């Protein structure tokens, strides 16, 4: 039986459950459910705190889990100090960045100016690792939440926090310093060195199929044969478009996958070229 850890709460919880449901797995009906068995797929889901998921997977208690890259790295043990979980594949949601910020009036404009300062964070391991690699000596103030208020309350000179847009930091009178320390998103993780069992390989194929279905649409159009070469160059598909002759002499039907974000531009270009009956349909699942 496959055992999977899923975030119980937070920004990753609902998107993770939606992606698993789209992949054909049964999910819980109530947020009060902490475990769900899916008999059709012989899979059991455990709904845990996102920060704990990598710990359970690293210990081998659970086969795989979905968590944030930031939380995976935050809970990773130091080299040689125990088993670790590793990233298997990114899942395309929950994007955020780990960034420094300081009060606008502080005069701190560069990361190297943080030397000797107090930096508040909910991710002390990630922060200390970055400071060590950058050769910056600074104090790390560990907080469990509301990091953006640390400077106003006088416990820190700057903060390092995971943000999506930075709006919360700006509202607290802070400005972002330098480039992101880390870019994060939801990831599938498993125990380092663990052999991939068939059920995990199937899970990855299903998740990848959902990602493809979300990123692409199916485009169908009719095209004069003399324009086929130019038209198919606009719609190369994944492994090549499907071209079939129409009953109307001199015309062919073309079907290809195109990027969802490029759909309208491609449709306009095909129309201007001379293609007609251009149709777009969503892809609900795929194996590519």
C-alpha atoms as a PDB file:
ATOM      1  CA  UNK A   1       0.000   0.000   0.000  1.00  0.00           C
ATOM      2  CA  UNK A   2       1.245   3.472  -0.919  1.00  0.00           C
ATOM      3  CA  UNK A   3       1.322   6.015   1.926  1.00  0.00           C
ATOM      4  CA  UNK A   4       1.257   9.714   1.003  1.00  0.00           C
ATOM      5  CA  UNK A   5       1.563  12.793   3.216  1.00  0.00           C
ATOM      6  CA  UNK A   6      -0.549  15.816   2.236  1.00  0.00           C
ATOM      7  CA  UNK A   7      -0.541  19.300   3.841  1.00  0.00           C
ATOM      8  CA  UNK A   8      -3.293  19.535   6.414  1.00  0.00           C
ATOM      9  CA  UNK A   9      -3.550  23.329   6.307  1.00  0.00           C
ATOM     10  CA  UNK A  10      -2.002  26.426   4.774  1.00  0.00           C
ATOM     11  CA  UNK A  11      -1.697  27.641   1.202  1.00  0.00           C
ATOM     12  CA  UNK A  12      -0.554  24.228  -0.077  1.00  0.00           C
ATOM     13  CA  UNK A  13      -3.416  22.198   1.379  1.00  0.00           C
ATOM     14  CA  UNK A  14      -6.276  22.839  -1.044  1.00  0.00           C
ATOM     15  CA  UNK A  15      -4.182  22.909  -4.269  1.00  0.00           C
ATOM     16  CA  UNK A  16      -2.463  19.646  -3.270  1.00  0.00           C
ATOM     17  CA  UNK A  17      -5.799  17.924  -2.639  1.00  0.00           C
ATOM     18  CA  UNK A  18      -7.179  19.247  -5.951  1.00  0.00           C
ATOM     19  CA  UNK A  19      -4.171  17.958  -7.873  1.00  0.00           C
ATOM     20  CA  UNK A  20      -4.422  14.520  -6.287  1.00  0.00           C
ATOM     21  CA  UNK A  21      -8.154  14.394  -7.030  1.00  0.00           C
ATOM     22  CA  UNK A  22      -7.473  15.307 -10.665  1.00  0.00           C
ATOM     23  CA  UNK A  23      -4.923  12.487 -10.686  1.00  0.00           C
ATOM     24  CA  UNK A  24      -7.657  10.000  -9.801  1.00  0.00           C
ATOM     25  CA  UNK A  25      -7.111   9.628  -6.050  1.00  0.00           C
ATOM     26  CA  UNK A  26      -9.828   9.836  -3.421  1.00  0.00           C
ATOM     27  CA  UNK A  27      -9.470  12.791  -1.060  1.00  0.00           C
ATOM     28  CA  UNK A  28     -11.015  13.696   2.276  1.00  0.00           C
ATOM     29  CA  UNK A  29     -14.476  15.244   2.482  1.00  0.00           C
ATOM     30  CA  UNK A  30     -13.833  17.194   5.682  1.00  0.00           C
ATOM     31  CA  UNK A  31     -10.812  19.064   6.976  1.00  0.00           C
ATOM     32  CA  UNK A  32     -11.335  17.161  10.225  1.00  0.00           C
ATOM     33  CA  UNK A  33     -10.287  13.922   8.521  1.00  0.00           C
ATOM     34  CA  UNK A  34      -6.606  13.268   9.203  1.00  0.00           C
ATOM     35  CA  UNK A  35      -6.372  10.041   7.202  1.00  0.00           C
ATOM     36  CA  UNK A  36      -8.207   8.693   4.150  1.00  0.00           C
ATOM     37  CA  UNK A  37      -7.913   5.264   2.507  1.00  0.00           C
ATOM     38  CA  UNK A  38      -8.407   4.981  -1.250  1.00  0.00           C
ATOM     39  CA  UNK A  39      -9.145   1.274  -1.878  1.00  0.00           C
ATOM     40  CA  UNK A  40      -9.269   1.604  -5.672  1.00  0.00           C
ATOM     41  CA  UNK A  41      -5.643   2.783  -5.750  1.00  0.00           C
ATOM     42  CA  UNK A  42      -4.549   0.934  -2.591  1.00  0.00           C
ATOM     43  CA  UNK A  43      -3.319   4.244  -1.220  1.00  0.00           C
ATOM     44  CA  UNK A  44      -3.640   5.890   2.183  1.00  0.00           C
ATOM     45  CA  UNK A  45      -3.359   9.652   2.656  1.00  0.00           C
ATOM     46  CA  UNK A  46      -2.231  11.305   5.882  1.00  0.00           C
ATOM     47  CA  UNK A  47      -2.939  15.022   6.386  1.00  0.00           C
ATOM     48  CA  UNK A  48      -0.081  16.562   8.348  1.00  0.00           C
ATOM     49  CA  UNK A  49       1.490  19.916   9.165  1.00  0.00           C
ATOM     50  CA  UNK A  50       3.508  20.950   6.087  1.00  0.00           C
ATOM     51  CA  UNK A  51       6.672  21.367   8.171  1.00  0.00           C
ATOM     52  CA  UNK A  52       6.417  17.796   9.470  1.00  0.00           C
ATOM     53  CA  UNK A  53       5.922  16.049   6.140  1.00  0.00           C
ATOM     54  CA  UNK A  54       9.583  15.862   5.119  1.00  0.00           C
ATOM     55  CA  UNK A  55      10.453  14.497   8.576  1.00  0.00           C
ATOM     56  CA  UNK A  56       7.990  11.596   8.256  1.00  0.00           C
ATOM     57  CA  UNK A  57       9.109  10.830   4.703  1.00  0.00           C
ATOM     58  CA  UNK A  58      12.797  10.955   5.657  1.00  0.00           C
ATOM     59  CA  UNK A  59      12.140   8.497   8.488  1.00  0.00           C
ATOM     60  CA  UNK A  60      10.495   6.075   6.061  1.00  0.00           C
ATOM     61  CA  UNK A  61       7.177   6.219   7.925  1.00  0.00           C
ATOM     62  CA  UNK A  62       5.506   7.481   4.740  1.00  0.00           C
ATOM     63  CA  UNK A  63       6.519   6.739   1.148  1.00  0.00           C
ATOM     64  CA  UNK A  64       6.150  10.205  -0.379  1.00  0.00           C
ATOM     65  CA  UNK A  65       4.737  13.588   0.532  1.00  0.00           C
ATOM     66  CA  UNK A  66       3.793  16.994  -0.805  1.00  0.00           C
ATOM     67  CA  UNK A  67       5.332  20.015   0.902  1.00  0.00           C
ATOM     68  CA  UNK A  68       7.065  23.289   0.069  1.00  0.00           C
ATOM     69  CA  UNK A  69      10.664  23.344  -1.083  1.00  0.00           C
ATOM     70  CA  UNK A  70      11.376  25.859   1.673  1.00  0.00           C
ATOM     71  CA  UNK A  71      10.004  23.517   4.353  1.00  0.00           C
ATOM     72  CA  UNK A  72      11.870  20.557   2.878  1.00  0.00           C
ATOM     73  CA  UNK A  73      15.189  22.397   3.127  1.00  0.00           C
ATOM     74  CA  UNK A  74      14.382  23.863   6.541  1.00  0.00           C
ATOM     75  CA  UNK A  75      13.862  20.405   8.054  1.00  0.00           C
ATOM     76  CA  UNK A  76      16.783  18.735   6.254  1.00  0.00           C
ATOM     77  CA  UNK A  77      19.353  17.316   8.697  1.00  0.00           C
ATOM     78  CA  UNK A  78      22.975  18.414   8.560  1.00  0.00           C
ATOM     79  CA  UNK A  79      25.241  16.188   6.477  1.00  0.00           C
ATOM     80  CA  UNK A  80      25.674  12.795   8.092  1.00  0.00           C
ATOM     81  CA  UNK A  81      23.252  13.500  10.940  1.00  0.00           C
ATOM     82  CA  UNK A  82      20.358  11.354   9.788  1.00  0.00           C
ATOM     83  CA  UNK A  83      18.116  10.342   6.886  1.00  0.00           C
ATOM     84  CA  UNK A  84      16.813  13.052   4.599  1.00  0.00           C
ATOM     85  CA  UNK A  85      13.925  13.596   2.225  1.00  0.00           C
ATOM     86  CA  UNK A  86      14.715  14.771  -1.299  1.00  0.00           C
ATOM     87  CA  UNK A  87      12.743  16.556  -3.993  1.00  0.00           C
ATOM     88  CA  UNK A  88      11.339  14.269  -6.681  1.00  0.00           C
ATOM     89  CA  UNK A  89       9.457  16.753  -8.862  1.00  0.00           C
ATOM     90  CA  UNK A  90       8.029  20.291  -8.701  1.00  0.00           C
ATOM     91  CA  UNK A  91       4.241  20.521  -8.777  1.00  0.00           C
ATOM     92  CA  UNK A  92       3.641  23.970 -10.233  1.00  0.00           C
ATOM     93  CA  UNK A  93       1.715  25.651  -7.410  1.00  0.00           C
ATOM     94  CA  UNK A  94       2.450  27.419  -4.135  1.00  0.00           C
ATOM     95  CA  UNK A  95       5.132  29.664  -5.631  1.00  0.00           C
ATOM     96  CA  UNK A  96       6.922  31.956  -3.182  1.00  0.00           C
ATOM     97  CA  UNK A  97      10.372  33.376  -2.483  1.00  0.00           C
ATOM     98  CA  UNK A  98      12.533  33.612   0.646  1.00  0.00           C
ATOM     99  CA  UNK A  99      13.714  37.223   0.875  1.00  0.00           C
ATOM    100  CA  UNK A 100      15.370  39.779   3.122  1.00  0.00           C
ATOM    101  CA  UNK A 101      13.560  42.985   4.056  1.00  0.00           C
ATOM    102  CA  UNK A 102      14.270  45.875   6.389  1.00  0.00           C
ATOM    103  CA  UNK A 103      12.521  49.095   7.477  1.00  0.00           C
ATOM    104  CA  UNK A 104      12.550  51.729   4.755  1.00  0.00           C
ATOM    105  CA  UNK A 105      14.250  54.207   7.078  1.00  0.00           C
ATOM    106  CA  UNK A 106      16.972  51.723   8.172  1.00  0.00           C
ATOM    107  CA  UNK A 107      19.374  52.642   5.380  1.00  0.00           C
ATOM    108  CA  UNK A 108      19.999  48.947   4.650  1.00  0.00           C
ATOM    109  CA  UNK A 109      19.979  48.554   0.878  1.00  0.00           C
ATOM    110  CA  UNK A 110      22.277  45.562   0.289  1.00  0.00           C
ATOM    111  CA  UNK A 111      22.521  42.083   1.772  1.00  0.00           C
ATOM    112  CA  UNK A 112      26.133  42.609   2.877  1.00  0.00           C
ATOM    113  CA  UNK A 113      24.931  45.488   5.093  1.00  0.00           C
ATOM    114  CA  UNK A 114      23.152  42.915   7.261  1.00  0.00           C
ATOM    115  CA  UNK A 115      26.459  41.955   8.897  1.00  0.00           C
ATOM    116  CA  UNK A 116      26.181  42.446  12.651  1.00  0.00           C
ATOM    117  CA  UNK A 117      22.406  42.948  12.471  1.00  0.00           C
ATOM    118  CA  UNK A 118      19.602  40.931  14.054  1.00  0.00           C
ATOM    119  CA  UNK A 119      17.497  39.091  11.477  1.00  0.00           C
ATOM    120  CA  UNK A 120      14.109  37.620  12.387  1.00  0.00           C
ATOM    121  CA  UNK A 121      12.819  34.565  10.552  1.00  0.00           C
ATOM    122  CA  UNK A 122      10.593  31.516  10.830  1.00  0.00           C
ATOM    123  CA  UNK A 123      13.215  29.569   8.852  1.00  0.00           C
ATOM    124  CA  UNK A 124      16.401  29.736  10.968  1.00  0.00           C
ATOM    125  CA  UNK A 125      18.112  26.765   9.284  1.00  0.00           C
ATOM    126  CA  UNK A 126      17.660  28.178   5.781  1.00  0.00           C
ATOM    127  CA  UNK A 127      18.763  31.620   6.910  1.00  0.00           C
ATOM    128  CA  UNK A 128      21.851  30.432   8.808  1.00  0.00           C
ATOM    129  CA  UNK A 129      22.919  28.278   5.855  1.00  0.00           C
ATOM    130  CA  UNK A 130      22.707  31.286   3.536  1.00  0.00           C
ATOM    131  CA  UNK A 131      24.581  33.550   5.945  1.00  0.00           C
ATOM    132  CA  UNK A 132      27.348  30.964   6.354  1.00  0.00           C
ATOM    133  CA  UNK A 133      27.691  30.506   2.588  1.00  0.00           C
ATOM    134  CA  UNK A 134      27.759  34.281   2.070  1.00  0.00           C
ATOM    135  CA  UNK A 135      30.270  34.839   4.874  1.00  0.00           C
ATOM    136  CA  UNK A 136      27.923  37.189   6.731  1.00  0.00           C
ATOM    137  CA  UNK A 137      27.979  37.198  10.534  1.00  0.00           C
ATOM    138  CA  UNK A 138      24.567  38.181  11.876  1.00  0.00           C
ATOM    139  CA  UNK A 139      22.227  37.250  14.703  1.00  0.00           C
ATOM    140  CA  UNK A 140      19.285  34.977  13.878  1.00  0.00           C
ATOM    141  CA  UNK A 141      16.057  35.616  15.806  1.00  0.00           C
ATOM    142  CA  UNK A 142      13.698  32.642  15.482  1.00  0.00           C
ATOM    143  CA  UNK A 143       9.976  33.419  15.384  1.00  0.00           C
ATOM    144  CA  UNK A 144       7.010  31.165  14.646  1.00  0.00           C
ATOM    145  CA  UNK A 145       4.977  33.762  12.765  1.00  0.00           C
ATOM    146  CA  UNK A 146       4.208  37.443  12.117  1.00  0.00           C
ATOM    147  CA  UNK A 147       7.862  37.988  11.218  1.00  0.00           C
ATOM    148  CA  UNK A 148       7.075  41.294   9.518  1.00  0.00           C
ATOM    149  CA  UNK A 149       6.328  42.946  12.878  1.00  0.00           C
ATOM    150  CA  UNK A 150       9.699  42.030  14.422  1.00  0.00           C
ATOM    151  CA  UNK A 151      11.407  45.268  13.405  1.00  0.00           C
ATOM    152  CA  UNK A 152       8.576  47.486  14.638  1.00  0.00           C
ATOM    153  CA  UNK A 153       8.603  45.687  17.991  1.00  0.00           C
ATOM    154  CA  UNK A 154      12.365  46.121  18.330  1.00  0.00           C
ATOM    155  CA  UNK A 155      13.490  42.482  18.362  1.00  0.00           C
ATOM    156  CA  UNK A 156      15.199  42.617  14.938  1.00  0.00           C
ATOM    157  CA  UNK A 157      16.840  45.010  12.490  1.00  0.00           C
ATOM    158  CA  UNK A 158      15.701  43.067   9.413  1.00  0.00           C
ATOM    159  CA  UNK A 159      13.645  40.012   8.504  1.00  0.00           C
ATOM    160  CA  UNK A 160      13.983  37.063   6.156  1.00  0.00           C
ATOM    161  CA  UNK A 161      10.632  35.584   5.254  1.00  0.00           C
ATOM    162  CA  UNK A 162       8.796  33.561   2.635  1.00  0.00           C
ATOM    163  CA  UNK A 163       6.593  35.875   0.568  1.00  0.00           C
ATOM    164  CA  UNK A 164       4.388  35.597  -2.508  1.00  0.00           C
ATOM    165  CA  UNK A 165       4.071  39.222  -3.610  1.00  0.00           C
ATOM    166  CA  UNK A 166       5.741  41.221  -0.821  1.00  0.00           C
ATOM    167  CA  UNK A 167       2.519  43.119  -0.079  1.00  0.00           C
ATOM    168  CA  UNK A 168       2.530  42.145   3.603  1.00  0.00           C
ATOM    169  CA  UNK A 169       6.115  43.308   4.026  1.00  0.00           C
ATOM    170  CA  UNK A 170       5.425  46.660   2.359  1.00  0.00           C
ATOM    171  CA  UNK A 171       2.330  47.155   4.496  1.00  0.00           C
ATOM    172  CA  UNK A 172       4.563  46.740   7.555  1.00  0.00           C
ATOM    173  CA  UNK A 173       6.877  49.515   6.336  1.00  0.00           C
ATOM    174  CA  UNK A 174       9.582  47.179   5.016  1.00  0.00           C
ATOM    175  CA  UNK A 175      11.335  47.100   1.679  1.00  0.00           C
ATOM    176  CA  UNK A 176      12.858  44.048   0.027  1.00  0.00           C
ATOM    177  CA  UNK A 177      16.653  43.751  -0.135  1.00  0.00           C
ATOM    178  CA  UNK A 178      18.589  41.938  -2.843  1.00  0.00           C
ATOM    179  CA  UNK A 179      17.705  38.820  -4.810  1.00  0.00           C
ATOM    180  CA  UNK A 180      15.655  35.922  -3.413  1.00  0.00           C
ATOM    181  CA  UNK A 181      17.553  33.621  -1.086  1.00  0.00           C
ATOM    182  CA  UNK A 182      15.373  30.768  -2.354  1.00  0.00           C
ATOM    183  CA  UNK A 183      12.540  30.315  -4.836  1.00  0.00           C
ATOM    184  CA  UNK A 184      10.010  27.847  -3.496  1.00  0.00           C
ATOM    185  CA  UNK A 185       6.970  25.926  -4.690  1.00  0.00           C
ATOM    186  CA  UNK A 186       5.125  22.733  -3.814  1.00  0.00           C
ATOM    187  CA  UNK A 187       7.225  19.623  -4.464  1.00  0.00           C
ATOM    188  CA  UNK A 188       6.823  15.868  -4.233  1.00  0.00           C
ATOM    189  CA  UNK A 189       9.413  14.398  -1.861  1.00  0.00           C
ATOM    190  CA  UNK A 190      10.615  10.908  -0.940  1.00  0.00           C
ATOM    191  CA  UNK A 191      13.286   9.379   1.296  1.00  0.00           C
ATOM    192  CA  UNK A 192      16.817   9.854  -0.010  1.00  0.00           C
ATOM    193  CA  UNK A 193      18.162   6.668  -1.560  1.00  0.00           C
ATOM    194  CA  UNK A 194      14.794   4.891  -1.468  1.00  0.00           C
ATOM    195  CA  UNK A 195      14.033   2.641  -4.430  1.00  0.00           C
ATOM    196  CA  UNK A 196      11.063   3.866  -6.431  1.00  0.00           C
ATOM    197  CA  UNK A 197       8.222   1.389  -6.156  1.00  0.00           C
ATOM    198  CA  UNK A 198       5.685   0.993  -9.020  1.00  0.00           C
ATOM    199  CA  UNK A 199       2.980   2.855  -7.079  1.00  0.00           C
ATOM    200  CA  UNK A 200       5.222   5.927  -6.720  1.00  0.00           C
ATOM    201  CA  UNK A 201       6.139   5.796 -10.423  1.00  0.00           C
ATOM    202  CA  UNK A 202       2.418   5.711 -11.234  1.00  0.00           C
ATOM    203  CA  UNK A 203       1.781   8.658  -8.916  1.00  0.00           C
ATOM    204  CA  UNK A 204       4.472  10.693 -10.658  1.00  0.00           C
ATOM    205  CA  UNK A 205       3.035   9.886 -14.099  1.00  0.00           C
ATOM    206  CA  UNK A 206      -0.413  10.955 -12.968  1.00  0.00           C
ATOM    207  CA  UNK A 207       0.843  14.191 -11.433  1.00  0.00           C
ATOM    208  CA  UNK A 208       2.859  14.965 -14.545  1.00  0.00           C
ATOM    209  CA  UNK A 209      -0.249  14.301 -16.609  1.00  0.00           C
ATOM    210  CA  UNK A 210      -2.175  16.860 -14.565  1.00  0.00           C
ATOM    211  CA  UNK A 211       0.616  19.416 -15.014  1.00  0.00           C
ATOM    212  CA  UNK A 212       0.552  18.914 -18.783  1.00  0.00           C
ATOM    213  CA  UNK A 213      -3.241  19.129 -18.869  1.00  0.00           C
ATOM    214  CA  UNK A 214      -3.081  22.441 -16.999  1.00  0.00           C
ATOM    215  CA  UNK A 215      -0.397  23.894 -19.239  1.00  0.00           C
ATOM    216  CA  UNK A 216      -1.719  22.847 -22.656  1.00  0.00           C
ATOM    217  CA  UNK A 217      -4.930  22.768 -24.681  1.00  0.00           C
ATOM    218  CA  UNK A 218      -5.850  20.780 -27.776  1.00  0.00           C
ATOM    219  CA  UNK A 219      -6.095  22.886 -30.931  1.00  0.00           C
ATOM    220  CA  UNK A 220      -7.950  21.636 -34.044  1.00  0.00           C
ATOM    221  CA  UNK A 221      -8.158  23.455 -37.360  1.00  0.00           C
ATOM    222  CA  UNK A 222      -8.691  22.920 -41.071  1.00  0.00           C
ATOM    223  CA  UNK A 223      -5.946  24.063 -43.421  1.00  0.00           C
ATOM    224  CA  UNK A 224      -5.329  24.218 -47.179  1.00  0.00           C
ATOM    225  CA  UNK A 225      -2.659  21.675 -48.084  1.00  0.00           C
ATOM    226  CA  UNK A 226      -0.400  24.300 -49.629  1.00  0.00           C
ATOM    227  CA  UNK A 227      -0.243  26.040 -46.239  1.00  0.00           C
ATOM    228  CA  UNK A 228       0.332  22.932 -44.127  1.00  0.00           C
ATOM    229  CA  UNK A 229       4.081  23.394 -43.760  1.00  0.00           C
ATOM    230  CA  UNK A 230       3.706  26.939 -42.402  1.00  0.00           C
ATOM    231  CA  UNK A 231       0.703  26.044 -40.231  1.00  0.00           C
ATOM    232  CA  UNK A 232       2.292  23.022 -38.592  1.00  0.00           C
ATOM    233  CA  UNK A 233       5.415  25.072 -37.902  1.00  0.00           C
ATOM    234  CA  UNK A 234       3.168  27.294 -35.755  1.00  0.00           C
ATOM    235  CA  UNK A 235       1.678  24.252 -33.982  1.00  0.00           C
ATOM    236  CA  UNK A 236       4.468  21.667 -33.608  1.00  0.00           C
ATOM    237  CA  UNK A 237       2.732  19.948 -30.689  1.00  0.00           C
ATOM    238  CA  UNK A 238       4.647  17.714 -28.285  1.00  0.00           C
ATOM    239  CA  UNK A 239       5.909  15.061 -30.709  1.00  0.00           C
ATOM    240  CA  UNK A 240       4.369  16.504 -33.864  1.00  0.00           C
ATOM    241  CA  UNK A 241       0.835  17.437 -35.008  1.00  0.00           C
ATOM    242  CA  UNK A 242      -1.728  14.947 -36.292  1.00  0.00           C
ATOM    243  CA  UNK A 243      -2.655  15.664 -39.926  1.00  0.00           C
ATOM    244  CA  UNK A 244      -5.626  13.945 -41.611  1.00  0.00           C
ATOM    245  CA  UNK A 245      -7.091  14.515 -45.094  1.00  0.00           C
ATOM    246  CA  UNK A 246     -10.543  16.105 -45.267  1.00  0.00           C
ATOM    247  CA  UNK A 247     -13.288  15.039 -47.639  1.00  0.00           C
ATOM    248  CA  UNK A 248     -12.947  18.464 -49.253  1.00  0.00           C
ATOM    249  CA  UNK A 249     -10.151  18.158 -51.851  1.00  0.00           C
ATOM    250  CA  UNK A 250      -6.988  20.110 -51.076  1.00  0.00           C
ATOM    251  CA  UNK A 251      -7.719  20.489 -47.337  1.00  0.00           C
ATOM    252  CA  UNK A 252      -6.456  18.697 -44.204  1.00  0.00           C
ATOM    253  CA  UNK A 253      -7.491  18.624 -40.562  1.00  0.00           C
ATOM    254  CA  UNK A 254      -4.724  19.336 -38.034  1.00  0.00           C
ATOM    255  CA  UNK A 255      -4.680  18.572 -34.311  1.00  0.00           C
ATOM    256  CA  UNK A 256      -1.902  19.632 -31.941  1.00  0.00           C
ATOM    257  CA  UNK A 257      -1.280  20.526 -28.298  1.00  0.00           C
ATOM    258  CA  UNK A 258      -0.379  24.177 -27.742  1.00  0.00           C
ATOM    259  CA  UNK A 259       0.548  26.144 -24.641  1.00  0.00           C
ATOM    260  CA  UNK A 260      -2.551  27.458 -22.888  1.00  0.00           C
ATOM    261  CA  UNK A 261      -1.003  30.929 -22.546  1.00  0.00           C
ATOM    262  CA  UNK A 262      -0.254  31.093 -26.294  1.00  0.00           C
ATOM    263  CA  UNK A 263      -3.654  29.892 -27.504  1.00  0.00           C
ATOM    264  CA  UNK A 264      -5.218  33.128 -28.752  1.00  0.00           C
ATOM    265  CA  UNK A 265      -2.031  34.357 -30.410  1.00  0.00           C
ATOM    266  CA  UNK A 266      -1.662  31.057 -32.290  1.00  0.00           C
ATOM    267  CA  UNK A 267      -5.332  31.104 -33.319  1.00  0.00           C
ATOM    268  CA  UNK A 268      -4.970  34.627 -34.729  1.00  0.00           C
ATOM    269  CA  UNK A 269      -1.840  33.681 -36.671  1.00  0.00           C
ATOM    270  CA  UNK A 270      -3.490  30.558 -38.097  1.00  0.00           C
ATOM    271  CA  UNK A 271      -6.545  32.566 -39.180  1.00  0.00           C
ATOM    272  CA  UNK A 272      -4.377  35.182 -40.871  1.00  0.00           C
ATOM    273  CA  UNK A 273      -2.501  32.377 -42.635  1.00  0.00           C
ATOM    274  CA  UNK A 274      -5.730  30.909 -44.026  1.00  0.00           C
ATOM    275  CA  UNK A 275      -6.711  28.148 -41.577  1.00  0.00           C
ATOM    276  CA  UNK A 276     -10.376  27.835 -40.700  1.00  0.00           C
ATOM    277  CA  UNK A 277     -12.667  26.011 -38.228  1.00  0.00           C
ATOM    278  CA  UNK A 278     -10.175  26.640 -35.440  1.00  0.00           C
ATOM    279  CA  UNK A 279     -11.339  25.001 -32.220  1.00  0.00           C
ATOM    280  CA  UNK A 280      -9.839  24.758 -28.729  1.00  0.00           C
ATOM    281  CA  UNK A 281     -10.668  22.088 -26.145  1.00  0.00           C
ATOM    282  CA  UNK A 282      -9.364  21.582 -22.616  1.00  0.00           C
ATOM    283  CA  UNK A 283      -7.279  18.562 -21.668  1.00  0.00           C
ATOM    284  CA  UNK A 284      -8.492  16.870 -18.486  1.00  0.00           C
ATOM    285  CA  UNK A 285      -5.765  14.241 -18.220  1.00  0.00           C
ATOM    286  CA  UNK A 286      -2.724  13.129 -20.171  1.00  0.00           C
ATOM    287  CA  UNK A 287       0.226  10.769 -20.393  1.00  0.00           C
ATOM    288  CA  UNK A 288       3.051  12.221 -22.453  1.00  0.00           C
END
